[in-house]
N, C-alpha and C. Protein backbone atom coordinates (compact mmCIF):
# COMPACT_ATOMS: atom_id res chain seq x y z
N MET A 1 -4.11 14.82 -3.22
CA MET A 1 -3.21 13.78 -2.80
C MET A 1 -3.92 12.93 -1.75
N LYS A 2 -3.72 11.64 -1.83
CA LYS A 2 -4.28 10.71 -0.86
C LYS A 2 -3.21 10.38 0.15
N TYR A 3 -3.54 10.45 1.41
CA TYR A 3 -2.61 10.07 2.45
C TYR A 3 -3.41 9.51 3.61
N ASP A 4 -2.73 8.75 4.46
CA ASP A 4 -3.45 8.23 5.61
C ASP A 4 -3.10 9.09 6.82
N ASN A 5 -3.56 8.68 7.96
CA ASN A 5 -3.36 9.49 9.16
C ASN A 5 -2.16 9.04 9.98
N ALA A 6 -1.15 8.50 9.32
CA ALA A 6 0.08 8.14 10.01
C ALA A 6 0.68 9.40 10.64
N ALA A 7 1.39 9.22 11.73
CA ALA A 7 1.95 10.35 12.47
C ALA A 7 2.78 11.28 11.59
N VAL A 8 3.60 10.71 10.70
CA VAL A 8 4.45 11.56 9.86
C VAL A 8 3.63 12.40 8.90
N HIS A 9 2.46 11.91 8.52
CA HIS A 9 1.61 12.67 7.60
C HIS A 9 0.90 13.81 8.32
N ASN A 10 0.77 13.69 9.62
CA ASN A 10 0.08 14.71 10.39
C ASN A 10 1.03 15.68 11.08
N ALA A 11 2.31 15.54 10.85
CA ALA A 11 3.29 16.44 11.45
C ALA A 11 3.08 17.86 10.92
N ARG A 12 3.33 18.83 11.75
CA ARG A 12 3.16 20.24 11.37
C ARG A 12 3.95 20.55 10.11
N LEU A 13 5.18 20.08 10.01
CA LEU A 13 6.03 20.34 8.84
C LEU A 13 5.38 19.80 7.57
N THR A 14 4.82 18.61 7.65
CA THR A 14 4.16 18.00 6.50
C THR A 14 2.93 18.81 6.09
N LYS A 15 2.11 19.16 7.06
CA LYS A 15 0.91 19.95 6.77
C LYS A 15 1.26 21.31 6.18
N ASP A 16 2.30 21.94 6.73
CA ASP A 16 2.75 23.23 6.20
C ASP A 16 3.21 23.10 4.75
N PHE A 17 3.92 22.02 4.45
CA PHE A 17 4.40 21.79 3.08
C PHE A 17 3.22 21.68 2.12
N PHE A 18 2.23 20.87 2.46
CA PHE A 18 1.07 20.70 1.59
C PHE A 18 0.34 22.02 1.39
N GLN A 19 0.19 22.77 2.46
CA GLN A 19 -0.50 24.06 2.36
C GLN A 19 0.30 25.03 1.49
N GLU A 20 1.61 25.09 1.70
CA GLU A 20 2.48 25.99 0.93
C GLU A 20 2.44 25.66 -0.56
N LYS A 21 2.37 24.37 -0.88
CA LYS A 21 2.35 23.93 -2.28
C LYS A 21 0.94 23.88 -2.85
N ASN A 22 -0.05 24.29 -2.05
CA ASN A 22 -1.44 24.30 -2.46
C ASN A 22 -1.92 22.91 -2.91
N ILE A 23 -1.54 21.91 -2.13
CA ILE A 23 -1.91 20.52 -2.41
C ILE A 23 -3.14 20.18 -1.59
N THR A 24 -4.19 19.77 -2.26
CA THR A 24 -5.43 19.38 -1.59
C THR A 24 -5.30 17.94 -1.12
N LEU A 25 -5.62 17.72 0.14
CA LEU A 25 -5.55 16.38 0.71
C LEU A 25 -6.95 15.79 0.80
N LEU A 26 -7.05 14.52 0.49
CA LEU A 26 -8.32 13.81 0.59
C LEU A 26 -8.38 13.09 1.93
N ASP A 27 -9.54 13.13 2.56
CA ASP A 27 -9.70 12.41 3.82
C ASP A 27 -9.48 10.93 3.57
N HIS A 28 -8.88 10.29 4.55
CA HIS A 28 -8.55 8.87 4.43
C HIS A 28 -8.60 8.28 5.83
N PRO A 29 -9.34 7.22 6.04
CA PRO A 29 -9.39 6.63 7.37
C PRO A 29 -8.01 6.19 7.85
N ALA A 30 -7.77 6.33 9.14
CA ALA A 30 -6.49 5.90 9.72
C ALA A 30 -6.35 4.39 9.61
N CYS A 31 -5.15 3.95 9.43
CA CYS A 31 -4.84 2.51 9.43
C CYS A 31 -5.79 1.73 8.54
N SER A 32 -5.87 2.10 7.28
CA SER A 32 -6.80 1.42 6.37
C SER A 32 -6.09 0.85 5.16
N PRO A 33 -5.41 -0.27 5.34
CA PRO A 33 -4.74 -0.90 4.21
C PRO A 33 -5.71 -1.32 3.11
N ASP A 34 -7.01 -1.39 3.46
CA ASP A 34 -8.03 -1.75 2.47
C ASP A 34 -8.03 -0.77 1.30
N LEU A 35 -7.67 0.48 1.57
CA LEU A 35 -7.68 1.50 0.53
C LEU A 35 -6.29 1.73 -0.05
N ASN A 36 -5.39 0.84 0.25
CA ASN A 36 -4.01 0.98 -0.19
C ASN A 36 -3.54 -0.34 -0.80
N PRO A 37 -3.87 -0.60 -2.06
CA PRO A 37 -3.58 -1.91 -2.66
C PRO A 37 -2.10 -2.29 -2.66
N ILE A 38 -1.21 -1.32 -2.49
CA ILE A 38 0.21 -1.68 -2.45
C ILE A 38 0.47 -2.63 -1.28
N GLU A 39 -0.35 -2.56 -0.23
CA GLU A 39 -0.19 -3.47 0.90
C GLU A 39 -0.36 -4.92 0.45
N ASN A 40 -1.30 -5.16 -0.47
CA ASN A 40 -1.49 -6.50 -1.01
C ASN A 40 -0.27 -6.94 -1.81
N ILE A 41 0.33 -6.00 -2.52
CA ILE A 41 1.52 -6.32 -3.31
C ILE A 41 2.69 -6.65 -2.39
N TRP A 42 2.85 -5.88 -1.30
CA TRP A 42 3.95 -6.20 -0.37
C TRP A 42 3.79 -7.61 0.17
N GLY A 43 2.55 -7.99 0.50
CA GLY A 43 2.32 -9.35 1.00
C GLY A 43 2.65 -10.40 -0.05
N TRP A 44 2.23 -10.15 -1.29
CA TRP A 44 2.53 -11.08 -2.38
C TRP A 44 4.04 -11.20 -2.56
N MET A 45 4.72 -10.05 -2.53
CA MET A 45 6.18 -10.06 -2.72
C MET A 45 6.88 -10.85 -1.62
N ALA A 46 6.46 -10.65 -0.38
CA ALA A 46 7.08 -11.37 0.74
C ALA A 46 6.91 -12.88 0.55
N ARG A 47 5.71 -13.29 0.14
CA ARG A 47 5.49 -14.72 -0.09
C ARG A 47 6.36 -15.24 -1.22
N GLU A 48 6.52 -14.46 -2.28
CA GLU A 48 7.35 -14.88 -3.42
C GLU A 48 8.83 -14.93 -3.06
N VAL A 49 9.31 -13.89 -2.39
CA VAL A 49 10.74 -13.82 -2.05
C VAL A 49 11.13 -14.97 -1.14
N TYR A 50 10.26 -15.29 -0.18
CA TYR A 50 10.59 -16.33 0.80
C TYR A 50 9.88 -17.65 0.50
N LYS A 51 9.49 -17.84 -0.76
CA LYS A 51 8.79 -19.06 -1.17
C LYS A 51 9.59 -20.30 -0.74
N ASN A 52 8.86 -21.30 -0.27
CA ASN A 52 9.46 -22.56 0.17
C ASN A 52 10.47 -22.37 1.29
N GLY A 53 10.28 -21.32 2.11
CA GLY A 53 11.17 -21.09 3.24
C GLY A 53 12.56 -20.62 2.86
N HIS A 54 12.70 -20.09 1.64
CA HIS A 54 14.02 -19.65 1.17
C HIS A 54 14.64 -18.63 2.12
N GLN A 55 15.90 -18.83 2.45
CA GLN A 55 16.67 -17.90 3.28
C GLN A 55 17.83 -17.37 2.45
N PHE A 56 18.25 -16.17 2.73
CA PHE A 56 19.32 -15.53 1.96
C PHE A 56 20.57 -15.41 2.81
N GLN A 57 21.70 -15.67 2.18
CA GLN A 57 22.98 -15.64 2.89
C GLN A 57 23.57 -14.24 2.98
N THR A 58 23.16 -13.36 2.05
CA THR A 58 23.71 -12.01 2.05
C THR A 58 22.59 -11.00 1.79
N VAL A 59 22.83 -9.78 2.21
CA VAL A 59 21.88 -8.71 1.95
C VAL A 59 21.77 -8.49 0.45
N ASP A 60 22.88 -8.60 -0.27
CA ASP A 60 22.85 -8.42 -1.72
C ASP A 60 21.96 -9.45 -2.40
N ALA A 61 22.02 -10.70 -1.93
CA ALA A 61 21.17 -11.74 -2.51
C ALA A 61 19.69 -11.45 -2.24
N LEU A 62 19.39 -11.00 -1.04
CA LEU A 62 18.02 -10.63 -0.70
C LEU A 62 17.56 -9.45 -1.56
N ARG A 63 18.41 -8.44 -1.66
CA ARG A 63 18.08 -7.26 -2.47
C ARG A 63 17.79 -7.67 -3.92
N GLU A 64 18.62 -8.54 -4.47
CA GLU A 64 18.42 -9.00 -5.85
C GLU A 64 17.08 -9.73 -5.99
N ALA A 65 16.77 -10.58 -5.02
CA ALA A 65 15.50 -11.31 -5.07
C ALA A 65 14.32 -10.35 -5.00
N ILE A 66 14.43 -9.33 -4.17
CA ILE A 66 13.35 -8.34 -4.05
C ILE A 66 13.18 -7.59 -5.36
N PHE A 67 14.28 -7.13 -5.95
CA PHE A 67 14.18 -6.40 -7.21
C PHE A 67 13.63 -7.28 -8.33
N ASN A 68 14.08 -8.54 -8.38
CA ASN A 68 13.57 -9.45 -9.41
C ASN A 68 12.07 -9.71 -9.22
N THR A 69 11.67 -9.89 -7.98
CA THR A 69 10.25 -10.12 -7.70
C THR A 69 9.43 -8.90 -8.08
N TRP A 70 9.91 -7.71 -7.70
CA TRP A 70 9.21 -6.47 -8.04
C TRP A 70 9.05 -6.33 -9.55
N SER A 71 10.08 -6.71 -10.28
CA SER A 71 10.05 -6.60 -11.74
C SER A 71 9.08 -7.59 -12.38
N ASN A 72 8.66 -8.57 -11.60
CA ASN A 72 7.80 -9.62 -12.15
C ASN A 72 6.43 -9.70 -11.49
N VAL A 73 5.99 -8.59 -10.91
CA VAL A 73 4.62 -8.57 -10.36
C VAL A 73 3.67 -8.83 -11.53
N PRO A 74 2.83 -9.84 -11.43
CA PRO A 74 1.94 -10.16 -12.54
C PRO A 74 0.96 -9.02 -12.85
N THR A 75 0.82 -8.75 -14.11
CA THR A 75 -0.14 -7.74 -14.55
C THR A 75 -1.53 -8.09 -14.06
N SER A 76 -1.84 -9.38 -14.04
CA SER A 76 -3.17 -9.80 -13.59
C SER A 76 -3.42 -9.41 -12.13
N LEU A 77 -2.38 -9.46 -11.29
CA LEU A 77 -2.52 -9.05 -9.89
C LEU A 77 -2.83 -7.55 -9.82
N LEU A 78 -2.10 -6.77 -10.59
CA LEU A 78 -2.32 -5.32 -10.61
C LEU A 78 -3.73 -4.99 -11.10
N GLU A 79 -4.17 -5.69 -12.14
CA GLU A 79 -5.52 -5.46 -12.67
C GLU A 79 -6.59 -5.84 -11.65
N THR A 80 -6.39 -6.96 -10.98
CA THR A 80 -7.34 -7.40 -9.96
C THR A 80 -7.43 -6.39 -8.83
N LEU A 81 -6.28 -5.91 -8.37
CA LEU A 81 -6.28 -4.93 -7.28
C LEU A 81 -6.94 -3.63 -7.72
N ALA A 82 -6.61 -3.17 -8.92
CA ALA A 82 -7.21 -1.92 -9.42
C ALA A 82 -8.73 -2.06 -9.55
N SER A 83 -9.18 -3.19 -10.07
CA SER A 83 -10.62 -3.37 -10.28
C SER A 83 -11.36 -3.58 -8.96
N SER A 84 -10.64 -3.91 -7.89
CA SER A 84 -11.30 -4.10 -6.59
C SER A 84 -11.53 -2.78 -5.85
N MET A 85 -10.94 -1.69 -6.32
CA MET A 85 -11.02 -0.42 -5.59
C MET A 85 -12.45 0.10 -5.42
N PRO A 86 -13.30 0.09 -6.44
CA PRO A 86 -14.66 0.59 -6.19
C PRO A 86 -15.38 -0.17 -5.07
N GLU A 87 -15.23 -1.49 -5.06
CA GLU A 87 -15.88 -2.28 -4.00
C GLU A 87 -15.25 -1.98 -2.64
N ARG A 88 -13.94 -1.82 -2.60
CA ARG A 88 -13.27 -1.47 -1.34
C ARG A 88 -13.79 -0.14 -0.81
N LEU A 89 -13.86 0.85 -1.69
CA LEU A 89 -14.35 2.17 -1.28
C LEU A 89 -15.78 2.09 -0.77
N PHE A 90 -16.62 1.37 -1.50
CA PHE A 90 -18.02 1.21 -1.11
C PHE A 90 -18.11 0.58 0.28
N GLU A 91 -17.32 -0.46 0.52
CA GLU A 91 -17.37 -1.15 1.81
C GLU A 91 -16.90 -0.24 2.95
N VAL A 92 -15.84 0.53 2.72
CA VAL A 92 -15.36 1.44 3.76
C VAL A 92 -16.39 2.53 4.04
N ILE A 93 -17.01 3.05 2.98
CA ILE A 93 -18.06 4.06 3.17
C ILE A 93 -19.23 3.48 3.96
N ASN A 94 -19.63 2.25 3.61
CA ASN A 94 -20.76 1.62 4.30
C ASN A 94 -20.47 1.30 5.75
N THR A 95 -19.20 1.18 6.11
CA THR A 95 -18.85 0.92 7.51
C THR A 95 -18.40 2.20 8.21
N ASN A 96 -18.72 3.35 7.59
CA ASN A 96 -18.37 4.66 8.16
C ASN A 96 -16.88 4.77 8.47
N GLY A 97 -16.07 4.32 7.53
CA GLY A 97 -14.62 4.41 7.71
C GLY A 97 -14.01 3.17 8.33
N GLY A 98 -14.83 2.17 8.59
CA GLY A 98 -14.32 0.94 9.19
C GLY A 98 -13.59 0.10 8.16
N ALA A 99 -13.07 -1.00 8.61
CA ALA A 99 -12.27 -1.87 7.76
C ALA A 99 -13.13 -2.60 6.73
N ALA A 100 -12.55 -2.75 5.55
CA ALA A 100 -13.12 -3.64 4.53
C ALA A 100 -12.38 -4.97 4.69
N HIS A 101 -12.78 -5.94 3.94
CA HIS A 101 -12.17 -7.27 4.12
C HIS A 101 -11.31 -7.64 2.92
N TYR A 102 -10.17 -6.96 2.80
CA TYR A 102 -9.25 -7.24 1.70
C TYR A 102 -7.89 -7.52 2.23
């Protein structure tokens, strides 16, 4: 399992759970959105949901916009993000766990 070094991931209860379930954890640099392409998708979604400064009058309207946007994430975006992973990994390795530029 891949996880980052967020506080909740390092809690004793979390570590005990992984050990009890015999789940192997992979090392992952702290605070490294470069290795987490979903961060790019969240950014894309925020831009789409609030395109042209759109504001929502109700939580339900916002929720609907978020679900509609999530349902329409372009396949090309997913493919681009997936294909960028080898280069992202290479860059993080070359910077000894430092940030890549994604």
